[in-house]
Amino acid sequence: MDKKIPLTLLLFALLYFGIGVLLPTAPFGLRRNVTESLPTKFFLKTPLQKVTRGEFVELSHPESSALLAKQVIGVAGDLIAVKEGEFFINDEKKGTILKKLLPVEEGTIPADHVFVYASHPESFDSRYQRFGLVHIDQLEGRLWPLF
């Protein structure tokens, strides 16, 4: 089943939650992804209730002046491994590591932290030490992919 929301619901969201387009820090609204890091360009933003693996989130990060859109692929207790230019969460291959950046340290994701990722091969995310794991306090909201 396609998880994208139909156009009519998008139009409703624009009318009902339109304030989020004008005020990006609003708890509800439409969020536009302006980078190539994720294939989805528009998301519906809602408050984050509980962090779960697989969901998209909006987060603040010291390396960026803008809020970022990423997917949570690792949660507290999950095991991170790096082998031959690839990284794994719980022994499942998730992606590759660019040679010019230091990979994330191997080990268990600590409490109150998540591993965030974007599918573009050159995305800057938790697979690199400089970005690191994200504390749940940095998460600003949940993002629902539209199109």
Foldseek 3Di string as FASTA:
>chain_A
DDQADDPVVVVVQCVPAVVCVVPVLDQWHKDADPDPLAPFGIWTWHADDDDDAFFWFWFDFPVDPDIDIWGFHFAAFWWWDDDDQFIDTNNHTDAGHDPVFAFADTDGDHHQWTWTGTDDNPDDTCRGPVRHIHGNVRTRTTIRGHD
